[in-house]
Amino acid sequence: MIQSMNLNTVKPLEGVEQNSTANGKTPGEAIKSFGSFLSDALDNVAAQEQNVQVLNDKFLVGEVNPDQVMIASEQALLSLQLTTQVRNKVIEAYQEIMRTQI
């Protein structure tokens, strides 16, 4: 009965990511893509802060509603807080790795 099973027809699950060697990425390429992800995230936070500055200037002139300014400033604040927490976790993980005894 086991001999009649064809194991070559097993297909990978859909929606489940394969490891980096299966998609042809080397560990170096995976690190570069992670680095570009972090860079893009930091650029987005900076862009949100610049957007808040522009909206504040427009609000002073009377071109923008206070609601829009408050929403944009809260979004920028939340993004900055998230970035700070991620940075803290990365530093904490690095320190934990450095304390590990070999």
N, C-alpha and C. Protein backbone atom coordinates (compact mmCIF):
# COMPACT_ATOMS: atom_id res chain seq x y z
N MET A 1 0.82 -1.19 0.00
CA MET A 1 0.00 0.00 0.00
C MET A 1 0.86 1.26 0.00
N ILE A 2 1.90 1.30 0.82
CA ILE A 2 2.80 2.45 0.87
C ILE A 2 3.55 2.59 -0.45
N GLN A 3 3.84 1.47 -1.07
CA GLN A 3 4.58 1.51 -2.31
C GLN A 3 3.78 2.16 -3.44
N SER A 4 2.46 2.12 -3.35
CA SER A 4 1.65 2.68 -4.41
C SER A 4 1.49 4.20 -4.29
N MET A 5 1.90 4.79 -3.17
CA MET A 5 1.77 6.24 -3.00
C MET A 5 2.83 6.95 -3.82
N ASN A 6 2.46 8.01 -4.48
CA ASN A 6 3.39 8.79 -5.27
C ASN A 6 3.71 10.06 -4.49
N LEU A 7 4.90 10.13 -3.92
CA LEU A 7 5.29 11.26 -3.10
C LEU A 7 5.73 12.45 -3.93
N ASN A 8 5.93 12.29 -5.20
CA ASN A 8 6.36 13.39 -6.06
C ASN A 8 5.24 14.38 -6.33
N THR A 9 4.00 14.02 -6.04
CA THR A 9 2.88 14.91 -6.34
C THR A 9 2.56 15.84 -5.17
N VAL A 10 3.32 15.80 -4.11
CA VAL A 10 3.09 16.69 -2.97
C VAL A 10 3.47 18.10 -3.37
N LYS A 11 2.53 19.03 -3.19
CA LYS A 11 2.76 20.42 -3.56
C LYS A 11 2.87 21.27 -2.29
N PRO A 12 3.66 22.35 -2.33
CA PRO A 12 3.75 23.21 -1.16
C PRO A 12 2.42 23.90 -0.88
N LEU A 13 2.19 24.19 0.38
CA LEU A 13 0.97 24.87 0.78
C LEU A 13 0.91 26.27 0.20
N GLU A 14 -0.27 26.69 -0.20
CA GLU A 14 -0.43 28.04 -0.71
C GLU A 14 -0.53 29.00 0.46
N GLY A 15 0.05 30.18 0.34
CA GLY A 15 -0.02 31.18 1.38
C GLY A 15 1.04 31.02 2.46
N VAL A 16 1.81 29.95 2.40
CA VAL A 16 2.87 29.73 3.38
C VAL A 16 4.19 30.07 2.72
N GLU A 17 4.93 30.96 3.34
CA GLU A 17 6.20 31.37 2.75
C GLU A 17 7.23 30.26 2.91
N GLN A 18 8.03 30.12 1.89
CA GLN A 18 9.13 29.17 1.93
C GLN A 18 10.35 29.83 2.51
N ASN A 19 11.33 29.05 2.94
CA ASN A 19 12.54 29.67 3.49
C ASN A 19 13.31 30.38 2.38
N SER A 20 14.31 31.16 2.79
CA SER A 20 14.99 32.04 1.83
C SER A 20 15.74 31.27 0.76
N THR A 21 16.22 30.06 1.06
CA THR A 21 16.95 29.32 0.04
C THR A 21 15.99 28.74 -1.00
N ALA A 22 14.74 28.51 -0.62
CA ALA A 22 13.77 27.97 -1.57
C ALA A 22 13.37 29.02 -2.61
N ASN A 23 13.31 30.30 -2.25
CA ASN A 23 12.95 31.32 -3.24
C ASN A 23 14.17 31.85 -3.96
N GLY A 24 15.31 31.29 -3.74
CA GLY A 24 16.49 31.72 -4.45
C GLY A 24 17.21 32.90 -3.83
N LYS A 25 16.80 33.31 -2.65
CA LYS A 25 17.47 34.42 -1.98
C LYS A 25 18.56 33.88 -1.08
N THR A 26 19.67 34.55 -1.11
CA THR A 26 20.75 34.21 -0.19
C THR A 26 20.53 34.97 1.11
N PRO A 27 21.18 34.57 2.19
CA PRO A 27 21.02 35.32 3.44
C PRO A 27 21.42 36.78 3.29
N GLY A 28 22.43 37.07 2.47
CA GLY A 28 22.83 38.45 2.24
C GLY A 28 21.73 39.26 1.58
N GLU A 29 21.04 38.64 0.62
CA GLU A 29 19.93 39.33 -0.04
C GLU A 29 18.77 39.56 0.92
N ALA A 30 18.53 38.60 1.81
CA ALA A 30 17.46 38.75 2.79
C ALA A 30 17.78 39.90 3.74
N ILE A 31 19.04 40.03 4.13
CA ILE A 31 19.44 41.13 5.02
C ILE A 31 19.28 42.47 4.29
N LYS A 32 19.64 42.51 3.02
CA LYS A 32 19.48 43.75 2.25
C LYS A 32 18.02 44.14 2.15
N SER A 33 17.13 43.15 1.93
CA SER A 33 15.72 43.48 1.81
C SER A 33 15.17 43.94 3.17
N PHE A 34 15.66 43.37 4.27
CA PHE A 34 15.24 43.81 5.60
C PHE A 34 15.74 45.23 5.85
N GLY A 35 16.98 45.50 5.44
CA GLY A 35 17.53 46.84 5.60
C GLY A 35 16.76 47.86 4.79
N SER A 36 16.37 47.49 3.58
CA SER A 36 15.59 48.43 2.76
C SER A 36 14.20 48.62 3.36
N PHE A 37 13.64 47.57 3.97
CA PHE A 37 12.35 47.71 4.65
C PHE A 37 12.45 48.70 5.80
N LEU A 38 13.50 48.60 6.60
CA LEU A 38 13.69 49.54 7.71
C LEU A 38 13.91 50.96 7.20
N SER A 39 14.68 51.08 6.15
CA SER A 39 14.93 52.40 5.57
C SER A 39 13.64 53.03 5.06
N ASP A 40 12.82 52.24 4.39
CA ASP A 40 11.54 52.74 3.89
C ASP A 40 10.62 53.15 5.04
N ALA A 41 10.63 52.37 6.12
CA ALA A 41 9.79 52.69 7.28
C ALA A 41 10.22 54.01 7.91
N LEU A 42 11.52 54.21 8.04
CA LEU A 42 12.01 55.47 8.61
C LEU A 42 11.72 56.65 7.69
N ASP A 43 11.81 56.43 6.39
CA ASP A 43 11.47 57.49 5.44
C ASP A 43 9.99 57.86 5.54
N ASN A 44 9.13 56.85 5.75
CA ASN A 44 7.70 57.13 5.90
C ASN A 44 7.41 57.93 7.16
N VAL A 45 8.11 57.63 8.25
CA VAL A 45 7.92 58.39 9.49
C VAL A 45 8.36 59.84 9.27
N ALA A 46 9.48 60.03 8.62
CA ALA A 46 9.96 61.39 8.33
C ALA A 46 8.99 62.14 7.42
N ALA A 47 8.43 61.43 6.44
CA ALA A 47 7.47 62.07 5.54
C ALA A 47 6.20 62.48 6.28
N GLN A 48 5.77 61.65 7.23
CA GLN A 48 4.59 62.01 8.01
C GLN A 48 4.85 63.25 8.86
N GLU A 49 6.04 63.34 9.43
CA GLU A 49 6.36 64.52 10.23
C GLU A 49 6.43 65.78 9.36
N GLN A 50 6.97 65.66 8.16
CA GLN A 50 7.01 66.80 7.25
C GLN A 50 5.60 67.20 6.81
N ASN A 51 4.73 66.21 6.62
CA ASN A 51 3.35 66.48 6.26
C ASN A 51 2.65 67.26 7.37
N VAL A 52 2.94 66.91 8.62
CA VAL A 52 2.34 67.64 9.75
C VAL A 52 2.82 69.08 9.75
N GLN A 53 4.09 69.31 9.46
CA GLN A 53 4.61 70.68 9.39
C GLN A 53 3.89 71.50 8.32
N VAL A 54 3.69 70.89 7.16
CA VAL A 54 3.00 71.57 6.06
C VAL A 54 1.56 71.88 6.45
N LEU A 55 0.89 70.89 7.07
CA LEU A 55 -0.50 71.12 7.48
C LEU A 55 -0.60 72.18 8.56
N ASN A 56 0.37 72.23 9.47
CA ASN A 56 0.38 73.28 10.49
C ASN A 56 0.50 74.66 9.86
N ASP A 57 1.36 74.77 8.87
CA ASP A 57 1.52 76.05 8.18
C ASP A 57 0.23 76.45 7.46
N LYS A 58 -0.40 75.47 6.80
CA LYS A 58 -1.65 75.75 6.11
C LYS A 58 -2.77 76.09 7.09
N PHE A 59 -2.74 75.46 8.26
CA PHE A 59 -3.75 75.76 9.28
C PHE A 59 -3.63 77.20 9.76
N LEU A 60 -2.40 77.65 9.94
CA LEU A 60 -2.19 79.03 10.38
C LEU A 60 -2.72 80.05 9.37
N VAL A 61 -2.67 79.68 8.10
CA VAL A 61 -3.17 80.56 7.05
C VAL A 61 -4.69 80.43 6.91
N GLY A 62 -5.23 79.29 7.37
CA GLY A 62 -6.67 79.06 7.29
C GLY A 62 -7.09 78.20 6.13
N GLU A 63 -6.17 77.46 5.55
CA GLU A 63 -6.49 76.62 4.40
C GLU A 63 -6.90 75.20 4.79
N VAL A 64 -6.65 74.80 6.04
CA VAL A 64 -6.90 73.42 6.45
C VAL A 64 -7.73 73.43 7.73
N ASN A 65 -8.60 72.43 7.85
CA ASN A 65 -9.40 72.27 9.06
C ASN A 65 -8.54 71.78 10.21
N PRO A 66 -8.91 72.15 11.44
CA PRO A 66 -8.15 71.64 12.60
C PRO A 66 -8.22 70.12 12.73
N ASP A 67 -9.31 69.52 12.26
CA ASP A 67 -9.43 68.06 12.32
C ASP A 67 -8.33 67.37 11.54
N GLN A 68 -8.05 67.89 10.35
CA GLN A 68 -7.01 67.30 9.51
C GLN A 68 -5.65 67.42 10.16
N VAL A 69 -5.40 68.54 10.81
CA VAL A 69 -4.11 68.75 11.47
C VAL A 69 -3.97 67.79 12.65
N MET A 70 -5.03 67.63 13.42
CA MET A 70 -4.98 66.75 14.58
C MET A 70 -4.79 65.29 14.17
N ILE A 71 -5.50 64.88 13.14
CA ILE A 71 -5.37 63.50 12.68
C ILE A 71 -3.96 63.23 12.17
N ALA A 72 -3.43 64.14 11.37
CA ALA A 72 -2.08 63.95 10.83
C ALA A 72 -1.03 63.96 11.94
N SER A 73 -1.21 64.84 12.92
CA SER A 73 -0.23 64.90 14.01
C SER A 73 -0.30 63.64 14.89
N GLU A 74 -1.49 63.13 15.11
CA GLU A 74 -1.60 61.89 15.89
C GLU A 74 -1.02 60.70 15.14
N GLN A 75 -1.23 60.66 13.83
CA GLN A 75 -0.63 59.58 13.04
C GLN A 75 0.89 59.64 13.09
N ALA A 76 1.43 60.85 12.98
CA ALA A 76 2.88 61.01 13.04
C ALA A 76 3.40 60.64 14.42
N LEU A 77 2.66 61.01 15.46
CA LEU A 77 3.07 60.67 16.83
C LEU A 77 3.07 59.16 17.04
N LEU A 78 2.03 58.49 16.58
CA LEU A 78 1.97 57.03 16.72
C LEU A 78 3.08 56.34 15.94
N SER A 79 3.38 56.85 14.76
CA SER A 79 4.47 56.27 13.96
C SER A 79 5.81 56.45 14.67
N LEU A 80 6.01 57.62 15.24
CA LEU A 80 7.26 57.88 15.96
C LEU A 80 7.36 57.00 17.21
N GLN A 81 6.27 56.84 17.92
CA GLN A 81 6.28 55.97 19.10
C GLN A 81 6.54 54.52 18.73
N LEU A 82 5.94 54.06 17.63
CA LEU A 82 6.18 52.69 17.17
C LEU A 82 7.64 52.51 16.78
N THR A 83 8.19 53.48 16.08
CA THR A 83 9.60 53.41 15.68
C THR A 83 10.51 53.37 16.90
N THR A 84 10.19 54.15 17.91
CA THR A 84 10.99 54.17 19.13
C THR A 84 10.92 52.82 19.84
N GLN A 85 9.73 52.23 19.90
CA GLN A 85 9.59 50.93 20.56
C GLN A 85 10.32 49.83 19.80
N VAL A 86 10.28 49.88 18.47
CA VAL A 86 11.01 48.88 17.68
C VAL A 86 12.51 49.04 17.92
N ARG A 87 12.98 50.28 17.94
CA ARG A 87 14.40 50.52 18.21
C ARG A 87 14.79 49.98 19.58
N ASN A 88 13.95 50.22 20.58
CA ASN A 88 14.24 49.73 21.93
C ASN A 88 14.30 48.21 21.96
N LYS A 89 13.40 47.55 21.27
CA LYS A 89 13.40 46.08 21.23
C LYS A 89 14.63 45.54 20.51
N VAL A 90 15.04 46.20 19.46
CA VAL A 90 16.24 45.76 18.73
C VAL A 90 17.47 45.90 19.61
N ILE A 91 17.58 47.03 20.31
CA ILE A 91 18.72 47.23 21.22
C ILE A 91 18.69 46.21 22.35
N GLU A 92 17.51 45.94 22.88
CA GLU A 92 17.39 44.95 23.95
C GLU A 92 17.78 43.56 23.47
N ALA A 93 17.38 43.20 22.25
CA ALA A 93 17.75 41.90 21.70
C ALA A 93 19.26 41.81 21.47
N TYR A 94 19.85 42.89 20.97
CA TYR A 94 21.30 42.92 20.75
C TYR A 94 22.04 42.75 22.08
N GLN A 95 21.59 43.46 23.10
CA GLN A 95 22.24 43.35 24.41
C GLN A 95 22.10 41.95 24.98
N GLU A 96 20.96 41.32 24.76
CA GLU A 96 20.74 39.95 25.24
C GLU A 96 21.67 38.98 24.52
N ILE A 97 21.86 39.18 23.22
CA ILE A 97 22.78 38.32 22.46
C ILE A 97 24.20 38.51 22.96
N MET A 98 24.59 39.74 23.27
CA MET A 98 25.95 40.00 23.73
C MET A 98 26.19 39.42 25.13
N ARG A 99 25.13 39.26 25.92
CA ARG A 99 25.29 38.68 27.26
C ARG A 99 25.33 37.15 27.22
N THR A 100 24.96 36.57 26.10
CA THR A 100 24.91 35.11 25.99
C THR A 100 26.33 34.56 26.10
N GLN A 101 26.46 33.56 26.96
CA GLN A 101 27.77 32.92 27.15
C GLN A 101 27.90 31.75 26.19
N ILE A 102 29.08 31.63 25.65
CA ILE A 102 29.32 30.55 24.68
C ILE A 102 30.02 29.40 25.38
